[in-house]
Amino acid sequence: MTSTANPQSKPASVFWNRVQLIMVLVVFAAPIVGAFLYQPTGYVNYGDLYVPVRPVDNLELQTAEDVVELESLRRQWVFLVVAQNTCDEVCEENILKIRQLRFMQNNDMQRIRTLFVYSGLSDDVATDLEAKYRPMEVYAVEEGALSQWKQVLELEDAPEAANKDRIYIIDPTGNLMMSYPAGSDPSLMKKDIKRLLKTSQVG
């Protein structure tokens, strides 16, 4: 018996499957995309946005007892400070800021993890910082791995000074969304973060 199947049915099925996939991706991406594209009247982001957002690669984070995969920290917002070889006064100010910003979010603070990632610091310095700024998480990374990994954090076409001592915001799906330069006003940063968390229900 000769088949009478419509030769156009398979391409049509493939087309609609693709449409459905795109719709699913849009639904999942909408909260985060909307968080930084929606601009209420008169509101301007204080931080520097990364448009499009940048996927952050996995990284092995070392503690005194274990190795933690950065990917295991997904599903929460990450406020990040990075240091190599030294953590000076500006570095400590940034650590204090991310700790304060987390507490400022009140009921939403459980959606946030604060991380200090470093290479080239002594164990004593790292231990002192961890004790001083709890519940911030402190992780060591091999110097070469950190140097390569942190390239994704850099602002494009910006002078070296502009990329130094920044605070970074990574979303719960592992994308770099925003960063702040050294000396940023915590009260203005708080407004950005509250708006971001309110607009996005992810994390």
C-alpha atoms as a PDB file:
ATOM      1  CA  MET A   1       0.000   0.000   0.000  1.00  0.00           C
ATOM      2  CA  THR A   2       1.388   3.375  -0.981  1.00  0.00           C
ATOM      3  CA  SER A   3       1.935   5.878   1.837  1.00  0.00           C
ATOM      4  CA  THR A   4      -0.121   9.063   1.589  1.00  0.00           C
ATOM      5  CA  ALA A   5       1.762  11.011   4.342  1.00  0.00           C
ATOM      6  CA  ASN A   6       2.134  14.683   3.587  1.00  0.00           C
ATOM      7  CA  PRO A   7       5.834  15.355   2.747  1.00  0.00           C
ATOM      8  CA  GLN A   8       5.424  18.823   4.277  1.00  0.00           C
ATOM      9  CA  SER A   9       4.398  17.501   7.723  1.00  0.00           C
ATOM     10  CA  LYS A  10       7.926  16.764   8.955  1.00  0.00           C
ATOM     11  CA  PRO A  11       9.361  20.225   8.159  1.00  0.00           C
ATOM     12  CA  ALA A  12       6.278  21.799   9.722  1.00  0.00           C
ATOM     13  CA  SER A  13       6.742  19.700  12.863  1.00  0.00           C
ATOM     14  CA  VAL A  14      10.413  20.696  13.106  1.00  0.00           C
ATOM     15  CA  PHE A  15       9.466  24.356  12.680  1.00  0.00           C
ATOM     16  CA  TRP A  16       6.896  24.297  15.478  1.00  0.00           C
ATOM     17  CA  ASN A  17       9.257  22.404  17.778  1.00  0.00           C
ATOM     18  CA  ARG A  18      11.802  25.174  17.273  1.00  0.00           C
ATOM     19  CA  VAL A  19       9.190  27.835  17.946  1.00  0.00           C
ATOM     20  CA  GLN A  20       8.240  26.125  21.202  1.00  0.00           C
ATOM     21  CA  LEU A  21      11.897  25.881  22.253  1.00  0.00           C
ATOM     22  CA  ILE A  22      12.430  29.581  21.576  1.00  0.00           C
ATOM     23  CA  MET A  23       9.333  30.444  23.606  1.00  0.00           C
ATOM     24  CA  VAL A  24      10.601  28.393  26.557  1.00  0.00           C
ATOM     25  CA  LEU A  25      13.992  30.142  26.424  1.00  0.00           C
ATOM     26  CA  VAL A  26      12.298  33.544  26.291  1.00  0.00           C
ATOM     27  CA  VAL A  27      10.174  32.717  29.346  1.00  0.00           C
ATOM     28  CA  PHE A  28      13.203  31.672  31.383  1.00  0.00           C
ATOM     29  CA  ALA A  29      15.372  34.584  30.234  1.00  0.00           C
ATOM     30  CA  ALA A  30      12.717  37.278  30.545  1.00  0.00           C
ATOM     31  CA  PRO A  31      13.079  37.988  34.288  1.00  0.00           C
ATOM     32  CA  ILE A  32      16.820  38.607  34.087  1.00  0.00           C
ATOM     33  CA  VAL A  33      16.746  40.431  30.762  1.00  0.00           C
ATOM     34  CA  GLY A  34      13.881  42.582  32.006  1.00  0.00           C
ATOM     35  CA  ALA A  35      15.777  43.374  35.174  1.00  0.00           C
ATOM     36  CA  PHE A  36      18.333  45.463  33.356  1.00  0.00           C
ATOM     37  CA  LEU A  37      16.454  46.524  30.215  1.00  0.00           C
ATOM     38  CA  TYR A  38      13.401  47.938  31.957  1.00  0.00           C
ATOM     39  CA  GLN A  39      14.048  51.546  32.935  1.00  0.00           C
ATOM     40  CA  PRO A  40      11.456  53.325  35.090  1.00  0.00           C
ATOM     41  CA  THR A  41      11.030  56.991  34.270  1.00  0.00           C
ATOM     42  CA  GLY A  42      13.985  58.973  35.509  1.00  0.00           C
ATOM     43  CA  TYR A  43      15.941  55.921  36.700  1.00  0.00           C
ATOM     44  CA  VAL A  44      19.497  55.264  35.542  1.00  0.00           C
ATOM     45  CA  ASN A  45      21.549  52.271  36.639  1.00  0.00           C
ATOM     46  CA  TYR A  46      24.381  53.265  38.939  1.00  0.00           C
ATOM     47  CA  GLY A  47      26.531  50.245  38.096  1.00  0.00           C
ATOM     48  CA  ASP A  48      28.054  49.277  34.756  1.00  0.00           C
ATOM     49  CA  LEU A  49      25.866  46.744  32.930  1.00  0.00           C
ATOM     50  CA  TYR A  50      27.262  44.008  30.703  1.00  0.00           C
ATOM     51  CA  VAL A  51      25.056  43.890  27.617  1.00  0.00           C
ATOM     52  CA  PRO A  52      24.735  41.177  26.606  1.00  0.00           C
ATOM     53  CA  VAL A  53      25.388  39.388  29.872  1.00  0.00           C
ATOM     54  CA  ARG A  54      28.546  37.259  29.911  1.00  0.00           C
ATOM     55  CA  PRO A  55      28.598  33.580  30.899  1.00  0.00           C
ATOM     56  CA  VAL A  56      31.127  33.006  33.676  1.00  0.00           C
ATOM     57  CA  ASP A  57      33.196  29.840  33.333  1.00  0.00           C
ATOM     58  CA  ASN A  58      33.457  27.287  36.093  1.00  0.00           C
ATOM     59  CA  LEU A  59      36.404  27.670  38.479  1.00  0.00           C
ATOM     60  CA  GLU A  60      37.881  25.458  41.185  1.00  0.00           C
ATOM     61  CA  LEU A  61      37.692  27.311  44.496  1.00  0.00           C
ATOM     62  CA  GLN A  62      39.900  26.010  47.294  1.00  0.00           C
ATOM     63  CA  THR A  63      39.299  26.122  51.025  1.00  0.00           C
ATOM     64  CA  ALA A  64      41.562  24.749  53.737  1.00  0.00           C
ATOM     65  CA  GLU A  65      39.544  21.522  53.756  1.00  0.00           C
ATOM     66  CA  ASP A  66      38.059  21.069  50.300  1.00  0.00           C
ATOM     67  CA  VAL A  67      37.683  22.132  46.676  1.00  0.00           C
ATOM     68  CA  VAL A  68      34.412  23.816  45.672  1.00  0.00           C
ATOM     69  CA  GLU A  69      33.187  24.187  42.086  1.00  0.00           C
ATOM     70  CA  LEU A  70      31.941  27.663  41.236  1.00  0.00           C
ATOM     71  CA  GLU A  71      29.081  25.990  39.368  1.00  0.00           C
ATOM     72  CA  SER A  72      27.848  24.577  42.677  1.00  0.00           C
ATOM     73  CA  LEU A  73      27.062  28.138  43.788  1.00  0.00           C
ATOM     74  CA  ARG A  74      24.503  28.635  41.035  1.00  0.00           C
ATOM     75  CA  ARG A  75      20.863  29.373  41.845  1.00  0.00           C
ATOM     76  CA  GLN A  76      21.845  32.328  44.024  1.00  0.00           C
ATOM     77  CA  TRP A  77      23.132  35.801  43.263  1.00  0.00           C
ATOM     78  CA  VAL A  78      26.879  36.178  43.801  1.00  0.00           C
ATOM     79  CA  PHE A  79      28.510  39.426  44.944  1.00  0.00           C
ATOM     80  CA  LEU A  80      32.181  39.010  44.135  1.00  0.00           C
ATOM     81  CA  VAL A  81      35.484  40.670  45.042  1.00  0.00           C
ATOM     82  CA  VAL A  82      38.716  39.399  43.450  1.00  0.00           C
ATOM     83  CA  ALA A  83      42.292  40.040  44.621  1.00  0.00           C
ATOM     84  CA  GLN A  84      45.709  38.903  43.470  1.00  0.00           C
ATOM     85  CA  ASN A  85      48.830  39.058  45.660  1.00  0.00           C
ATOM     86  CA  THR A  86      47.438  41.659  48.042  1.00  0.00           C
ATOM     87  CA  CYS A  87      44.207  42.878  49.632  1.00  0.00           C
ATOM     88  CA  ASP A  88      44.786  46.521  50.452  1.00  0.00           C
ATOM     89  CA  GLU A  89      42.479  49.096  52.038  1.00  0.00           C
ATOM     90  CA  VAL A  90      40.374  49.456  48.877  1.00  0.00           C
ATOM     91  CA  CYS A  91      40.010  45.686  48.635  1.00  0.00           C
ATOM     92  CA  GLU A  92      38.797  45.484  52.235  1.00  0.00           C
ATOM     93  CA  GLU A  93      36.375  48.361  51.639  1.00  0.00           C
ATOM     94  CA  ASN A  94      34.870  46.383  48.748  1.00  0.00           C
ATOM     95  CA  ILE A  95      34.552  43.280  50.927  1.00  0.00           C
ATOM     96  CA  LEU A  96      32.780  45.323  53.591  1.00  0.00           C
ATOM     97  CA  LYS A  97      30.443  46.798  50.965  1.00  0.00           C
ATOM     98  CA  ILE A  98      29.273  43.455  49.580  1.00  0.00           C
ATOM     99  CA  ARG A  99      28.700  42.220  53.119  1.00  0.00           C
ATOM    100  CA  GLN A 100      26.648  45.323  53.956  1.00  0.00           C
ATOM    101  CA  LEU A 101      24.742  45.182  50.663  1.00  0.00           C
ATOM    102  CA  ARG A 102      23.679  41.638  51.413  1.00  0.00           C
ATOM    103  CA  PHE A 103      22.344  42.581  54.856  1.00  0.00           C
ATOM    104  CA  MET A 104      20.597  45.637  53.372  1.00  0.00           C
ATOM    105  CA  GLN A 105      18.347  43.357  51.316  1.00  0.00           C
ATOM    106  CA  ASN A 106      16.526  42.154  54.453  1.00  0.00           C
ATOM    107  CA  ASN A 107      14.296  39.194  53.494  1.00  0.00           C
ATOM    108  CA  ASP A 108      16.070  38.860  50.150  1.00  0.00           C
ATOM    109  CA  MET A 109      19.532  38.471  51.634  1.00  0.00           C
ATOM    110  CA  GLN A 110      19.200  34.663  51.575  1.00  0.00           C
ATOM    111  CA  ARG A 111      19.190  34.925  47.773  1.00  0.00           C
ATOM    112  CA  ILE A 112      22.749  36.319  47.848  1.00  0.00           C
ATOM    113  CA  ARG A 113      26.200  34.845  48.467  1.00  0.00           C
ATOM    114  CA  THR A 114      29.213  37.081  49.074  1.00  0.00           C
ATOM    115  CA  LEU A 115      32.533  35.748  47.760  1.00  0.00           C
ATOM    116  CA  PHE A 116      36.131  36.836  48.097  1.00  0.00           C
ATOM    117  CA  VAL A 117      38.322  34.990  45.581  1.00  0.00           C
ATOM    118  CA  TYR A 118      42.077  35.442  45.715  1.00  0.00           C
ATOM    119  CA  SER A 119      45.513  34.191  44.734  1.00  0.00           C
ATOM    120  CA  GLY A 120      48.903  34.990  46.239  1.00  0.00           C
ATOM    121  CA  LEU A 121      47.733  35.863  49.760  1.00  0.00           C
ATOM    122  CA  SER A 122      49.076  34.124  52.845  1.00  0.00           C
ATOM    123  CA  ASP A 123      46.829  31.697  54.696  1.00  0.00           C
ATOM    124  CA  ASP A 124      46.932  33.964  57.754  1.00  0.00           C
ATOM    125  CA  VAL A 125      45.655  36.988  55.809  1.00  0.00           C
ATOM    126  CA  ALA A 126      42.878  34.957  54.184  1.00  0.00           C
ATOM    127  CA  THR A 127      41.840  33.474  57.538  1.00  0.00           C
ATOM    128  CA  ASP A 128      41.758  36.906  59.171  1.00  0.00           C
ATOM    129  CA  LEU A 129      39.568  38.319  56.375  1.00  0.00           C
ATOM    130  CA  GLU A 130      37.169  35.394  56.588  1.00  0.00           C
ATOM    131  CA  ALA A 131      36.795  35.822  60.356  1.00  0.00           C
ATOM    132  CA  LYS A 132      36.434  39.600  60.120  1.00  0.00           C
ATOM    133  CA  TYR A 133      33.757  39.664  57.408  1.00  0.00           C
ATOM    134  CA  ARG A 134      31.631  36.579  58.075  1.00  0.00           C
ATOM    135  CA  PRO A 135      29.455  35.209  56.488  1.00  0.00           C
ATOM    136  CA  MET A 136      31.519  36.103  53.428  1.00  0.00           C
ATOM    137  CA  GLU A 137      32.989  33.018  51.750  1.00  0.00           C
ATOM    138  CA  VAL A 138      36.749  33.059  51.097  1.00  0.00           C
ATOM    139  CA  TYR A 139      38.306  30.906  48.371  1.00  0.00           C
ATOM    140  CA  ALA A 140      41.844  30.532  47.048  1.00  0.00           C
ATOM    141  CA  VAL A 141      42.511  29.947  43.340  1.00  0.00           C
ATOM    142  CA  GLU A 142      45.745  29.017  41.566  1.00  0.00           C
ATOM    143  CA  GLU A 143      47.270  32.228  40.218  1.00  0.00           C
ATOM    144  CA  GLY A 144      47.401  31.276  36.532  1.00  0.00           C
ATOM    145  CA  ALA A 145      43.848  29.954  36.568  1.00  0.00           C
ATOM    146  CA  LEU A 146      42.549  33.122  38.236  1.00  0.00           C
ATOM    147  CA  SER A 147      44.372  35.428  35.804  1.00  0.00           C
ATOM    148  CA  GLN A 148      42.804  33.668  32.844  1.00  0.00           C
ATOM    149  CA  TRP A 149      39.357  33.305  34.402  1.00  0.00           C
ATOM    150  CA  LYS A 150      38.987  36.950  35.422  1.00  0.00           C
ATOM    151  CA  GLN A 151      39.413  38.210  31.842  1.00  0.00           C
ATOM    152  CA  VAL A 152      35.653  37.826  31.352  1.00  0.00           C
ATOM    153  CA  LEU A 153      35.129  40.363  34.154  1.00  0.00           C
ATOM    154  CA  GLU A 154      36.903  43.189  32.380  1.00  0.00           C
ATOM    155  CA  LEU A 155      35.053  46.121  30.853  1.00  0.00           C
ATOM    156  CA  GLU A 156      35.746  46.398  27.148  1.00  0.00           C
ATOM    157  CA  ASP A 157      37.677  49.406  25.833  1.00  0.00           C
ATOM    158  CA  ALA A 158      38.308  50.650  29.368  1.00  0.00           C
ATOM    159  CA  PRO A 159      41.681  51.741  30.794  1.00  0.00           C
ATOM    160  CA  GLU A 160      43.433  49.390  33.183  1.00  0.00           C
ATOM    161  CA  ALA A 161      42.625  51.605  36.165  1.00  0.00           C
ATOM    162  CA  ALA A 162      38.881  51.306  35.433  1.00  0.00           C
ATOM    163  CA  ASN A 163      39.083  47.506  35.675  1.00  0.00           C
ATOM    164  CA  LYS A 164      40.893  47.492  39.008  1.00  0.00           C
ATOM    165  CA  ASP A 165      39.226  46.853  42.383  1.00  0.00           C
ATOM    166  CA  ARG A 166      35.703  46.337  41.093  1.00  0.00           C
ATOM    167  CA  ILE A 167      32.712  44.627  42.693  1.00  0.00           C
ATOM    168  CA  TYR A 168      30.957  42.114  40.414  1.00  0.00           C
ATOM    169  CA  ILE A 169      27.374  40.836  40.331  1.00  0.00           C
ATOM    170  CA  ILE A 170      26.785  37.346  38.901  1.00  0.00           C
ATOM    171  CA  ASP A 171      23.217  36.126  38.405  1.00  0.00           C
ATOM    172  CA  PRO A 172      21.879  32.719  39.534  1.00  0.00           C
ATOM    173  CA  THR A 173      22.346  31.223  36.069  1.00  0.00           C
ATOM    174  CA  GLY A 174      26.064  32.077  36.057  1.00  0.00           C
ATOM    175  CA  ASN A 175      26.068  35.255  33.980  1.00  0.00           C
ATOM    176  CA  LEU A 176      28.051  38.390  34.789  1.00  0.00           C
ATOM    177  CA  MET A 177      25.498  41.200  34.798  1.00  0.00           C
ATOM    178  CA  MET A 178      26.944  44.267  36.463  1.00  0.00           C
ATOM    179  CA  SER A 179      30.000  45.684  38.191  1.00  0.00           C
ATOM    180  CA  TYR A 180      30.923  48.713  40.275  1.00  0.00           C
ATOM    181  CA  PRO A 181      34.204  50.637  40.457  1.00  0.00           C
ATOM    182  CA  ALA A 182      36.149  51.206  43.645  1.00  0.00           C
ATOM    183  CA  GLY A 183      34.682  54.013  45.709  1.00  0.00           C
ATOM    184  CA  SER A 184      31.077  53.369  44.665  1.00  0.00           C
ATOM    185  CA  ASP A 185      28.375  54.715  46.959  1.00  0.00           C
ATOM    186  CA  PRO A 186      26.735  51.803  48.848  1.00  0.00           C
ATOM    187  CA  SER A 187      23.388  53.634  49.080  1.00  0.00           C
ATOM    188  CA  LEU A 188      23.202  53.946  45.281  1.00  0.00           C
ATOM    189  CA  MET A 189      24.381  50.375  44.827  1.00  0.00           C
ATOM    190  CA  LYS A 190      21.591  49.284  47.179  1.00  0.00           C
ATOM    191  CA  LYS A 191      18.995  50.865  44.882  1.00  0.00           C
ATOM    192  CA  ASP A 192      20.334  48.917  41.903  1.00  0.00           C
ATOM    193  CA  ILE A 193      20.332  45.639  43.813  1.00  0.00           C
ATOM    194  CA  LYS A 194      16.841  46.079  45.263  1.00  0.00           C
ATOM    195  CA  ARG A 195      15.480  46.834  41.817  1.00  0.00           C
ATOM    196  CA  LEU A 196      17.299  43.868  40.321  1.00  0.00           C
ATOM    197  CA  LEU A 197      16.026  41.424  42.931  1.00  0.00           C
ATOM    198  CA  LYS A 198      12.491  42.795  42.744  1.00  0.00           C
ATOM    199  CA  THR A 199      12.325  42.579  38.952  1.00  0.00           C
ATOM    200  CA  SER A 200      13.879  39.124  38.704  1.00  0.00           C
ATOM    201  CA  GLN A 201      12.397  36.223  40.643  1.00  0.00           C
ATOM    202  CA  VAL A 202      15.341  34.004  39.672  1.00  0.00           C
ATOM    203  CA  GLY A 203      17.522  32.954  42.600  1.00  0.00           C
END
